[in-house]
């Protein structure tokens, strides 16, 4: 599983990254987390407001910081 955090590295992007790590740890899932900061690459996902969360190349959230429990719910549906 590959999780991508889309954003410039702002405070919200960092928070989403931390929440994703917490969710993975709680669910005992081994996944790779990548940070995508390139504006062109982010736009390529159709994301116009960051932070964005991508799980296995599917955009699951844009423009808000999901909690660790919300991310956990998305991971369980994979």
PDB file of N, CA and C in Angstrom:
ATOM      1  N   UNK A   1       0.849  -1.171   0.000  1.00  0.00           N
ATOM      2  CA  UNK A   1       0.000   0.000   0.000  1.00  0.00           C
ATOM      3  C   UNK A   1       0.899   1.241   0.000  1.00  0.00           C
ATOM      4  N   UNK A   2       0.538   2.193  -0.815  1.00  0.00           N
ATOM      5  CA  UNK A   2       1.271   3.457  -0.875  1.00  0.00           C
ATOM      6  C   UNK A   2       0.306   4.589  -0.559  1.00  0.00           C
ATOM      7  N   UNK A   3       0.693   5.400   0.406  1.00  0.00           N
ATOM      8  CA  UNK A   3      -0.101   6.561   0.814  1.00  0.00           C
ATOM      9  C   UNK A   3       0.690   7.798   0.437  1.00  0.00           C
ATOM     10  N   UNK A   4       0.026   8.741  -0.200  1.00  0.00           N
ATOM     11  CA  UNK A   4       0.689   9.983  -0.582  1.00  0.00           C
ATOM     12  C   UNK A   4      -0.007  11.157   0.097  1.00  0.00           C
ATOM     13  N   UNK A   5       0.816  12.044   0.642  1.00  0.00           N
ATOM     14  CA  UNK A   5       0.340  13.283   1.228  1.00  0.00           C
ATOM     15  C   UNK A   5       0.662  14.370   0.212  1.00  0.00           C
ATOM     16  N   UNK A   6      -0.365  15.016  -0.305  1.00  0.00           N
ATOM     17  CA  UNK A   6      -0.182  16.060  -1.317  1.00  0.00           C
ATOM     18  C   UNK A   6      -0.220  17.428  -0.650  1.00  0.00           C
ATOM     19  N   UNK A   7       0.836  18.207  -0.835  1.00  0.00           N
ATOM     20  CA  UNK A   7       0.854  19.553  -0.272  1.00  0.00           C
ATOM     21  C   UNK A   7       2.248  20.119  -0.217  1.00  0.00           C
ATOM     22  N   UNK A   8       2.303  21.391   0.126  1.00  0.00           N
ATOM     23  CA  UNK A   8       3.567  22.127   0.102  1.00  0.00           C
ATOM     24  C   UNK A   8       4.431  21.903   1.328  1.00  0.00           C
ATOM     25  N   UNK A   9       3.903  21.218   2.320  1.00  0.00           N
ATOM     26  CA  UNK A   9       4.648  21.034   3.563  1.00  0.00           C
ATOM     27  C   UNK A   9       4.161  21.981   4.645  1.00  0.00           C
ATOM     28  N   UNK A  10       2.989  22.541   4.446  1.00  0.00           N
ATOM     29  CA  UNK A  10       2.407  23.469   5.411  1.00  0.00           C
ATOM     30  C   UNK A  10       2.001  22.725   6.691  1.00  0.00           C
ATOM     31  N   UNK A  11       1.549  23.489   7.661  1.00  0.00           N
ATOM     32  CA  UNK A  11       1.160  22.934   8.956  1.00  0.00           C
ATOM     33  C   UNK A  11       0.080  21.848   8.812  1.00  0.00           C
ATOM     34  N   UNK A  12      -0.891  22.073   7.950  1.00  0.00           N
ATOM     35  CA  UNK A  12      -1.963  21.094   7.746  1.00  0.00           C
ATOM     36  C   UNK A  12      -1.440  19.819   7.081  1.00  0.00           C
ATOM     37  N   UNK A  13      -0.498  19.976   6.158  1.00  0.00           N
ATOM     38  CA  UNK A  13       0.087  18.813   5.485  1.00  0.00           C
ATOM     39  C   UNK A  13       0.872  17.958   6.470  1.00  0.00           C
ATOM     40  N   UNK A  14       1.608  18.601   7.354  1.00  0.00           N
ATOM     41  CA  UNK A  14       2.381  17.900   8.375  1.00  0.00           C
ATOM     42  C   UNK A  14       1.433  17.161   9.319  1.00  0.00           C
ATOM     43  N   UNK A  15       0.322  17.814   9.690  1.00  0.00           N
ATOM     44  CA  UNK A  15      -0.660  17.188  10.581  1.00  0.00           C
ATOM     45  C   UNK A  15      -1.283  15.961   9.920  1.00  0.00           C
ATOM     46  N   UNK A  16      -1.597  16.063   8.629  1.00  0.00           N
ATOM     47  CA  UNK A  16      -2.175  14.921   7.905  1.00  0.00           C
ATOM     48  C   UNK A  16      -1.182  13.770   7.836  1.00  0.00           C
ATOM     49  N   UNK A  17       0.078  14.087   7.630  1.00  0.00           N
ATOM     50  CA  UNK A  17       1.131  13.071   7.592  1.00  0.00           C
ATOM     51  C   UNK A  17       1.216  12.348   8.946  1.00  0.00           C
ATOM     52  N   UNK A  18       1.210  13.094  10.020  1.00  0.00           N
ATOM     53  CA  UNK A  18       1.277  12.494  11.358  1.00  0.00           C
ATOM     54  C   UNK A  18       0.046  11.623  11.628  1.00  0.00           C
ATOM     55  N   UNK A  19      -1.130  12.093  11.236  1.00  0.00           N
ATOM     56  CA  UNK A  19      -2.352  11.320  11.439  1.00  0.00           C
ATOM     57  C   UNK A  19      -2.338  10.033  10.613  1.00  0.00           C
ATOM     58  N   UNK A  20      -1.772  10.092   9.424  1.00  0.00           N
ATOM     59  CA  UNK A  20      -1.669   8.890   8.579  1.00  0.00           C
ATOM     60  C   UNK A  20      -0.740   7.867   9.237  1.00  0.00           C
ATOM     61  N   UNK A  21       0.381   8.344   9.772  1.00  0.00           N
ATOM     62  CA  UNK A  21       1.320   7.445  10.457  1.00  0.00           C
ATOM     63  C   UNK A  21       0.655   6.802  11.675  1.00  0.00           C
ATOM     64  N   UNK A  22      -0.097   7.596  12.432  1.00  0.00           N
ATOM     65  CA  UNK A  22      -0.795   7.081  13.611  1.00  0.00           C
ATOM     66  C   UNK A  22      -1.823   6.030  13.215  1.00  0.00           C
ATOM     67  N   UNK A  23      -2.564   6.295  12.149  1.00  0.00           N
ATOM     68  CA  UNK A  23      -3.587   5.351  11.681  1.00  0.00           C
ATOM     69  C   UNK A  23      -2.959   4.042  11.223  1.00  0.00           C
ATOM     70  N   UNK A  24      -1.857   4.124  10.520  1.00  0.00           N
ATOM     71  CA  UNK A  24      -1.170   2.913  10.051  1.00  0.00           C
ATOM     72  C   UNK A  24      -0.662   2.083  11.229  1.00  0.00           C
ATOM     73  N   UNK A  25      -0.115   2.764  12.205  1.00  0.00           N
ATOM     74  CA  UNK A  25       0.400   2.076  13.380  1.00  0.00           C
ATOM     75  C   UNK A  25      -0.730   1.401  14.147  1.00  0.00           C
ATOM     76  N   UNK A  26      -1.848   2.100  14.322  1.00  0.00           N
ATOM     77  CA  UNK A  26      -2.993   1.555  15.053  1.00  0.00           C
ATOM     78  C   UNK A  26      -3.594   0.350  14.340  1.00  0.00           C
ATOM     79  N   UNK A  27      -3.577   0.380  13.006  1.00  0.00           N
ATOM     80  CA  UNK A  27      -4.162  -0.709  12.223  1.00  0.00           C
ATOM     81  C   UNK A  27      -3.148  -1.817  11.937  1.00  0.00           C
ATOM     82  N   UNK A  28      -1.907  -1.618  12.377  1.00  0.00           N
ATOM     83  CA  UNK A  28      -0.828  -2.589  12.131  1.00  0.00           C
ATOM     84  C   UNK A  28      -0.671  -2.893  10.638  1.00  0.00           C
ATOM     85  N   UNK A  29      -0.705  -1.821   9.839  1.00  0.00           N
ATOM     86  CA  UNK A  29      -0.549  -1.945   8.389  1.00  0.00           C
ATOM     87  C   UNK A  29       0.815  -1.390   8.005  1.00  0.00           C
ATOM     88  N   UNK A  30       1.533  -2.160   7.213  1.00  0.00           N
ATOM     89  CA  UNK A  30       2.828  -1.721   6.714  1.00  0.00           C
ATOM     90  C   UNK A  30       2.606  -1.053   5.366  1.00  0.00           C
ATOM     91  N   UNK A  31       2.842   0.238   5.309  1.00  0.00           N
ATOM     92  CA  UNK A  31       2.636   0.976   4.069  1.00  0.00           C
ATOM     93  C   UNK A  31       3.732   2.012   3.911  1.00  0.00           C
ATOM     94  N   UNK A  32       3.913   2.436   2.692  1.00  0.00           N
ATOM     95  CA  UNK A  32       4.887   3.473   2.387  1.00  0.00           C
ATOM     96  C   UNK A  32       4.159   4.811   2.309  1.00  0.00           C
ATOM     97  N   UNK A  33       4.715   5.821   2.979  1.00  0.00           N
ATOM     98  CA  UNK A  33       4.134   7.163   2.922  1.00  0.00           C
ATOM     99  C   UNK A  33       5.074   8.049   2.115  1.00  0.00           C
ATOM    100  N   UNK A  34       4.513   8.686   1.099  1.00  0.00           N
ATOM    101  CA  UNK A  34       5.285   9.598   0.258  1.00  0.00           C
ATOM    102  C   UNK A  34       4.693  10.993   0.379  1.00  0.00           C
ATOM    103  N   UNK A  35       5.562  11.983   0.383  1.00  0.00           N
ATOM    104  CA  UNK A  35       5.120  13.376   0.384  1.00  0.00           C
ATOM    105  C   UNK A  35       5.310  13.925  -1.025  1.00  0.00           C
ATOM    106  N   UNK A  36       4.243  14.465  -1.578  1.00  0.00           N
ATOM    107  CA  UNK A  36       4.289  15.040  -2.925  1.00  0.00           C
ATOM    108  C   UNK A  36       4.132  16.546  -2.781  1.00  0.00           C
ATOM    109  N   UNK A  37       5.189  17.290  -3.113  1.00  0.00           N
ATOM    110  CA  UNK A  37       5.162  18.745  -2.959  1.00  0.00           C
ATOM    111  C   UNK A  37       5.131  19.484  -4.288  1.00  0.00           C
ATOM    112  N   UNK A  38       5.376  18.777  -5.385  1.00  0.00           N
ATOM    113  CA  UNK A  38       5.396  19.394  -6.710  1.00  0.00           C
ATOM    114  C   UNK A  38       3.988  19.795  -7.126  1.00  0.00           C
ATOM    115  N   UNK A  39       3.803  21.066  -7.399  1.00  0.00           N
ATOM    116  CA  UNK A  39       2.482  21.606  -7.733  1.00  0.00           C
ATOM    117  C   UNK A  39       1.891  20.935  -8.970  1.00  0.00           C
ATOM    118  N   UNK A  40       2.716  20.670  -9.962  1.00  0.00           N
ATOM    119  CA  UNK A  40       2.238  20.037 -11.193  1.00  0.00           C
ATOM    120  C   UNK A  40       1.761  18.611 -10.898  1.00  0.00           C
ATOM    121  N   UNK A  41       2.517  17.880 -10.077  1.00  0.00           N
ATOM    122  CA  UNK A  41       2.129  16.514  -9.715  1.00  0.00           C
ATOM    123  C   UNK A  41       0.830  16.519  -8.907  1.00  0.00           C
ATOM    124  N   UNK A  42       0.692  17.480  -8.005  1.00  0.00           N
ATOM    125  CA  UNK A  42      -0.536  17.586  -7.205  1.00  0.00           C
ATOM    126  C   UNK A  42      -1.725  17.874  -8.117  1.00  0.00           C
ATOM    127  N   UNK A  43      -1.556  18.808  -9.038  1.00  0.00           N
ATOM    128  CA  UNK A  43      -2.624  19.141  -9.991  1.00  0.00           C
ATOM    129  C   UNK A  43      -2.966  17.945 -10.859  1.00  0.00           C
ATOM    130  N   UNK A  44      -1.985  17.092 -11.127  1.00  0.00           N
ATOM    131  CA  UNK A  44      -2.210  15.885 -11.923  1.00  0.00           C
ATOM    132  C   UNK A  44      -3.211  14.942 -11.283  1.00  0.00           C
ATOM    133  N   UNK A  45      -3.355  15.029  -9.968  1.00  0.00           N
ATOM    134  CA  UNK A  45      -4.356  14.228  -9.261  1.00  0.00           C
ATOM    135  C   UNK A  45      -5.723  14.926  -9.246  1.00  0.00           C
ATOM    136  N   UNK A  46      -5.781  16.132  -9.796  1.00  0.00           N
ATOM    137  CA  UNK A  46      -7.036  16.885  -9.797  1.00  0.00           C
ATOM    138  C   UNK A  46      -7.285  17.593  -8.482  1.00  0.00           C
ATOM    139  N   UNK A  47      -6.261  17.696  -7.658  1.00  0.00           N
ATOM    140  CA  UNK A  47      -6.390  18.329  -6.342  1.00  0.00           C
ATOM    141  C   UNK A  47      -6.086  19.815  -6.481  1.00  0.00           C
ATOM    142  N   UNK A  48      -7.051  20.631  -6.076  1.00  0.00           N
ATOM    143  CA  UNK A  48      -6.878  22.074  -6.158  1.00  0.00           C
ATOM    144  C   UNK A  48      -6.703  22.711  -4.788  1.00  0.00           C
ATOM    145  N   UNK A  49      -7.053  21.982  -3.721  1.00  0.00           N
ATOM    146  CA  UNK A  49      -6.819  22.501  -2.377  1.00  0.00           C
ATOM    147  C   UNK A  49      -6.146  21.412  -1.547  1.00  0.00           C
ATOM    148  N   UNK A  50      -5.080  21.818  -0.880  1.00  0.00           N
ATOM    149  CA  UNK A  50      -4.307  20.869  -0.095  1.00  0.00           C
ATOM    150  C   UNK A  50      -4.625  21.050   1.390  1.00  0.00           C
ATOM    151  N   UNK A  51      -4.347  20.086   2.204  1.00  0.00           N
ATOM    152  CA  UNK A  51      -3.642  18.857   1.888  1.00  0.00           C
ATOM    153  C   UNK A  51      -4.544  17.845   1.196  1.00  0.00           C
ATOM    154  N   UNK A  52      -3.920  16.941   0.486  1.00  0.00           N
ATOM    155  CA  UNK A  52      -4.649  15.858  -0.158  1.00  0.00           C
ATOM    156  C   UNK A  52      -4.106  14.525   0.324  1.00  0.00           C
ATOM    157  N   UNK A  53      -4.979  13.536   0.342  1.00  0.00           N
ATOM    158  CA  UNK A  53      -4.578  12.199   0.753  1.00  0.00           C
ATOM    159  C   UNK A  53      -4.916  11.226  -0.360  1.00  0.00           C
ATOM    160  N   UNK A  54      -3.909  10.464  -0.785  1.00  0.00           N
ATOM    161  CA  UNK A  54      -4.067   9.489  -1.861  1.00  0.00           C
ATOM    162  C   UNK A  54      -3.682   8.122  -1.310  1.00  0.00           C
ATOM    163  N   UNK A  55      -4.560   7.147  -1.488  1.00  0.00           N
ATOM    164  CA  UNK A  55      -4.271   5.777  -1.069  1.00  0.00           C
ATOM    165  C   UNK A  55      -4.302   4.900  -2.314  1.00  0.00           C
ATOM    166  N   UNK A  56      -3.169   4.277  -2.597  1.00  0.00           N
ATOM    167  CA  UNK A  56      -3.026   3.429  -3.795  1.00  0.00           C
ATOM    168  C   UNK A  56      -3.543   4.126  -5.047  1.00  0.00           C
ATOM    169  N   UNK A  57      -3.064   5.352  -5.247  1.00  0.00           N
ATOM    170  CA  UNK A  57      -3.363   6.175  -6.429  1.00  0.00           C
ATOM    171  C   UNK A  57      -4.815   6.623  -6.530  1.00  0.00           C
ATOM    172  N   UNK A  58      -5.590   6.528  -5.461  1.00  0.00           N
ATOM    173  CA  UNK A  58      -6.967   7.024  -5.454  1.00  0.00           C
ATOM    174  C   UNK A  58      -7.052   8.180  -4.459  1.00  0.00           C
ATOM    175  N   UNK A  59      -7.482   9.350  -4.945  1.00  0.00           N
ATOM    176  CA  UNK A  59      -7.639  10.512  -4.072  1.00  0.00           C
ATOM    177  C   UNK A  59      -8.837  10.261  -3.157  1.00  0.00           C
ATOM    178  N   UNK A  60      -8.587  10.290  -1.841  1.00  0.00           N
ATOM    179  CA  UNK A  60      -9.659  10.016  -0.881  1.00  0.00           C
ATOM    180  C   UNK A  60     -10.048  11.243  -0.071  1.00  0.00           C
ATOM    181  N   UNK A  61      -9.220  12.296  -0.104  1.00  0.00           N
ATOM    182  CA  UNK A  61      -9.544  13.503   0.637  1.00  0.00           C
ATOM    183  C   UNK A  61      -8.752  14.678   0.083  1.00  0.00           C
ATOM    184  N   UNK A  62      -9.392  15.854   0.061  1.00  0.00           N
ATOM    185  CA  UNK A  62      -8.694  17.085  -0.318  1.00  0.00           C
ATOM    186  C   UNK A  62      -9.177  18.226   0.554  1.00  0.00           C
ATOM    187  N   UNK A  63      -8.265  19.137   0.832  1.00  0.00           N
ATOM    188  CA  UNK A  63      -8.627  20.377   1.495  1.00  0.00           C
ATOM    189  C   UNK A  63      -8.892  20.315   2.985  1.00  0.00           C
ATOM    190  N   UNK A  64      -8.645  19.164   3.624  1.00  0.00           N
ATOM    191  CA  UNK A  64      -8.856  19.100   5.071  1.00  0.00           C
ATOM    192  C   UNK A  64      -7.934  18.059   5.683  1.00  0.00           C
ATOM    193  N   UNK A  65      -7.735  18.216   6.982  1.00  0.00           N
ATOM    194  CA  UNK A  65      -6.901  17.282   7.721  1.00  0.00           C
ATOM    195  C   UNK A  65      -7.807  16.216   8.326  1.00  0.00           C
ATOM    196  N   UNK A  66      -7.706  15.008   7.807  1.00  0.00           N
ATOM    197  CA  UNK A  66      -8.477  13.900   8.365  1.00  0.00           C
ATOM    198  C   UNK A  66      -7.848  13.464   9.676  1.00  0.00           C
ATOM    199  N   UNK A  67      -8.683  13.042  10.619  1.00  0.00           N
ATOM    200  CA  UNK A  67      -8.164  12.512  11.875  1.00  0.00           C
ATOM    201  C   UNK A  67      -7.595  11.124  11.639  1.00  0.00           C
ATOM    202  N   UNK A  68      -6.837  10.636  12.599  1.00  0.00           N
ATOM    203  CA  UNK A  68      -6.263   9.293  12.485  1.00  0.00           C
ATOM    204  C   UNK A  68      -7.368   8.249  12.381  1.00  0.00           C
ATOM    205  N   UNK A  69      -8.479   8.444  13.106  1.00  0.00           N
ATOM    206  CA  UNK A  69      -9.575   7.466  13.042  1.00  0.00           C
ATOM    207  C   UNK A  69     -10.273   7.497  11.687  1.00  0.00           C
ATOM    208  N   UNK A  70     -10.402   8.672  11.085  1.00  0.00           N
ATOM    209  CA  UNK A  70     -10.997   8.760   9.749  1.00  0.00           C
ATOM    210  C   UNK A  70     -10.112   8.051   8.720  1.00  0.00           C
ATOM    211  N   UNK A  71      -8.814   8.253   8.831  1.00  0.00           N
ATOM    212  CA  UNK A  71      -7.877   7.595   7.919  1.00  0.00           C
ATOM    213  C   UNK A  71      -7.924   6.076   8.158  1.00  0.00           C
ATOM    214  N   UNK A  72      -8.000   5.679   9.399  1.00  0.00           N
ATOM    215  CA  UNK A  72      -8.097   4.258   9.736  1.00  0.00           C
ATOM    216  C   UNK A  72      -9.300   3.600   9.073  1.00  0.00           C
ATOM    217  N   UNK A  73     -10.420   4.309   9.065  1.00  0.00           N
ATOM    218  CA  UNK A  73     -11.619   3.791   8.398  1.00  0.00           C
ATOM    219  C   UNK A  73     -11.409   3.612   6.905  1.00  0.00           C
ATOM    220  N   UNK A  74     -10.688   4.537   6.283  1.00  0.00           N
ATOM    221  CA  UNK A  74     -10.398   4.429   4.856  1.00  0.00           C
ATOM    222  C   UNK A  74      -9.455   3.270   4.579  1.00  0.00           C
ATOM    223  N   UNK A  75      -8.514   3.047   5.483  1.00  0.00           N
ATOM    224  CA  UNK A  75      -7.563   1.943   5.308  1.00  0.00           C
ATOM    225  C   UNK A  75      -8.230   0.602   5.427  1.00  0.00           C
ATOM    226  N   UNK A  76      -9.210   0.491   6.304  1.00  0.00           N
ATOM    227  CA  UNK A  76      -9.910  -0.780   6.507  1.00  0.00           C
ATOM    228  C   UNK A  76     -10.757  -1.142   5.295  1.00  0.00           C
ATOM    229  N   UNK A  77     -11.169  -0.145   4.520  1.00  0.00           N
ATOM    230  CA  UNK A  77     -11.974  -0.397   3.328  1.00  0.00           C
ATOM    231  C   UNK A  77     -11.106  -0.819   2.142  1.00  0.00           C
ATOM    232  N   UNK A  78      -9.804  -0.865   2.321  1.00  0.00           N
ATOM    233  CA  UNK A  78      -8.899  -1.259   1.243  1.00  0.00           C
ATOM    234  C   UNK A  78      -8.765  -2.744   1.170  1.00  0.00           C
TER     235      UNK A  78
END
